[in-house]
Amino acid sequence: MDFEPRDDNNLKGLHPVKLGIAFSHPRSLENTFGAPDAFGCVQIYKVDRVGAARQAGLKEGDIVFEVDGVRIAKLMDSSKDPTAAFSKLLAERKPGKVSHWRVYREKKEHDLYIQY
């Protein structure tokens, strides 16, 4: 499943990024234990076999908490929905650019560089 921005007012005029991922709010806070901003992160639950995300080393189960120095938690609005904040953050990225993602995996922080 590729990321496609939802059709709402916050994402109008932004371009979808094809990364080959599916994500949601972490299914269990146990998975985020020790992760920075555990409540303001998303969990990757599917990474396509081919695509920019797989090539960059993103794995199913990774907890994403920061993209290009911006913490997802800082972008959350009053709905407290990290998936909406993450969707908007991705939609603002330009095709062809390299983006720095910070993820939490196996109780360690990892840096990944993904080209859109």
Protein backbone atom coordinates (compact mmCIF):
# COMPACT_ATOMS: atom_id res chain seq x y z
CA MET A 1 0.00 0.00 0.00
CA ASP A 2 1.46 3.35 -0.95
CA PHE A 3 0.92 6.46 1.08
CA GLU A 4 -1.80 8.59 -0.44
CA PRO A 5 -2.89 11.73 1.38
CA ARG A 6 -6.50 11.81 2.47
CA ASP A 7 -8.81 14.25 0.80
CA ASP A 8 -9.19 16.75 3.60
CA ASN A 9 -8.54 20.46 3.95
CA ASN A 10 -5.17 20.00 5.68
CA LEU A 11 -3.65 18.13 2.73
CA LYS A 12 -5.08 19.97 -0.29
CA GLY A 13 -2.43 21.05 -2.75
CA LEU A 14 0.17 18.65 -1.39
CA HIS A 15 1.63 15.84 -3.47
CA PRO A 16 1.49 12.17 -2.53
CA VAL A 17 4.77 10.40 -1.92
CA LYS A 18 5.16 6.82 -3.12
CA LEU A 19 7.16 5.04 -0.46
CA GLY A 20 5.57 1.61 -0.37
CA ILE A 21 4.53 1.68 3.29
CA ALA A 22 1.45 1.38 5.45
CA PHE A 23 1.40 2.80 8.97
CA SER A 24 -0.84 3.36 11.96
CA HIS A 25 -0.72 4.49 15.55
CA PRO A 26 1.32 1.84 17.43
CA ARG A 27 -0.88 -1.16 18.16
CA SER A 28 0.63 -1.58 21.59
CA LEU A 29 2.44 0.90 23.78
CA GLU A 30 4.69 -2.02 24.74
CA ASN A 31 6.24 -1.69 21.26
CA THR A 32 7.10 1.95 21.92
CA PHE A 33 8.57 1.51 25.40
CA GLY A 34 11.64 3.70 25.54
CA ALA A 35 10.95 5.38 22.19
CA PRO A 36 11.19 9.17 22.15
CA ASP A 37 7.72 10.76 22.16
CA ALA A 38 6.05 7.33 22.31
CA PHE A 39 2.56 8.82 22.05
CA GLY A 40 3.52 10.96 19.06
CA CYS A 41 4.82 8.32 16.70
CA VAL A 42 3.61 5.90 14.04
CA GLN A 43 4.33 2.24 13.56
CA ILE A 44 5.15 0.83 10.15
CA TYR A 45 3.09 -2.31 9.68
CA LYS A 46 3.79 -3.00 6.00
CA VAL A 47 6.78 -2.33 3.77
CA ASP A 48 6.42 -3.32 0.13
CA ARG A 49 9.06 -5.70 -1.24
CA VAL A 50 10.21 -3.05 -3.68
CA GLY A 51 10.34 0.68 -3.11
CA ALA A 52 12.15 3.55 -1.50
CA ALA A 53 11.27 2.57 2.06
CA ARG A 54 12.56 -1.00 1.70
CA GLN A 55 15.69 0.21 -0.08
CA ALA A 56 16.42 2.63 2.78
CA GLY A 57 16.14 -0.17 5.33
CA LEU A 58 12.73 0.58 6.85
CA LYS A 59 11.25 -2.56 8.41
CA GLU A 60 7.83 -3.67 9.52
CA GLY A 61 7.44 -2.85 13.19
CA ASP A 62 9.67 0.24 13.06
CA ILE A 63 8.43 3.16 15.14
CA VAL A 64 8.91 6.47 13.30
CA PHE A 65 9.16 9.49 15.59
CA GLU A 66 10.99 12.12 13.51
CA VAL A 67 11.36 13.17 9.86
CA ASP A 68 13.93 15.76 8.79
CA GLY A 69 14.41 17.00 12.34
CA VAL A 70 10.68 17.44 12.96
CA ARG A 71 9.16 15.35 15.73
CA ILE A 72 5.76 13.95 14.81
CA ALA A 73 4.54 14.76 18.33
CA LYS A 74 5.14 18.48 17.74
CA LEU A 75 2.86 18.46 14.69
CA MET A 76 -0.10 16.74 16.32
CA ASP A 77 -3.19 18.91 16.50
CA SER A 78 -5.92 18.81 19.12
CA SER A 79 -7.11 15.43 17.80
CA LYS A 80 -3.87 13.89 19.10
CA ASP A 81 -3.68 11.75 15.96
CA PRO A 82 -0.04 11.03 15.05
CA THR A 83 -1.05 9.34 11.77
CA ALA A 84 -2.59 12.56 10.45
CA ALA A 85 0.51 14.55 11.44
CA PHE A 86 2.78 11.97 9.79
CA SER A 87 0.63 11.92 6.63
CA LYS A 88 0.88 15.69 6.33
CA LEU A 89 4.62 15.63 6.96
CA LEU A 90 5.12 13.07 4.18
CA ALA A 91 2.86 14.94 1.78
CA GLU A 92 5.04 18.05 2.14
CA ARG A 93 8.14 16.21 0.93
CA LYS A 94 9.26 16.74 -2.68
CA PRO A 95 9.91 13.84 -5.09
CA GLY A 96 13.62 13.23 -5.69
CA LYS A 97 14.72 14.62 -2.32
CA VAL A 98 16.42 12.60 0.40
CA SER A 99 14.77 12.68 3.80
CA HIS A 100 16.26 11.79 7.20
CA TRP A 101 14.01 9.56 9.31
CA ARG A 102 14.59 8.63 12.94
CA VAL A 103 13.09 5.30 13.90
CA TYR A 104 13.00 3.16 17.01
CA ARG A 105 13.69 -0.55 16.47
CA GLU A 106 14.64 -3.23 18.99
CA LYS A 107 15.06 -0.66 21.78
CA LYS A 108 17.54 1.44 19.77
CA GLU A 109 17.27 4.59 17.69
CA HIS A 110 18.25 4.31 14.02
CA ASP A 111 18.83 6.88 11.28
CA LEU A 112 17.47 6.11 7.81
CA TYR A 113 17.75 8.14 4.63
CA ILE A 114 14.87 7.74 2.20
CA GLN A 115 14.80 9.19 -1.29
CA TYR A 116 11.29 10.11 -2.43
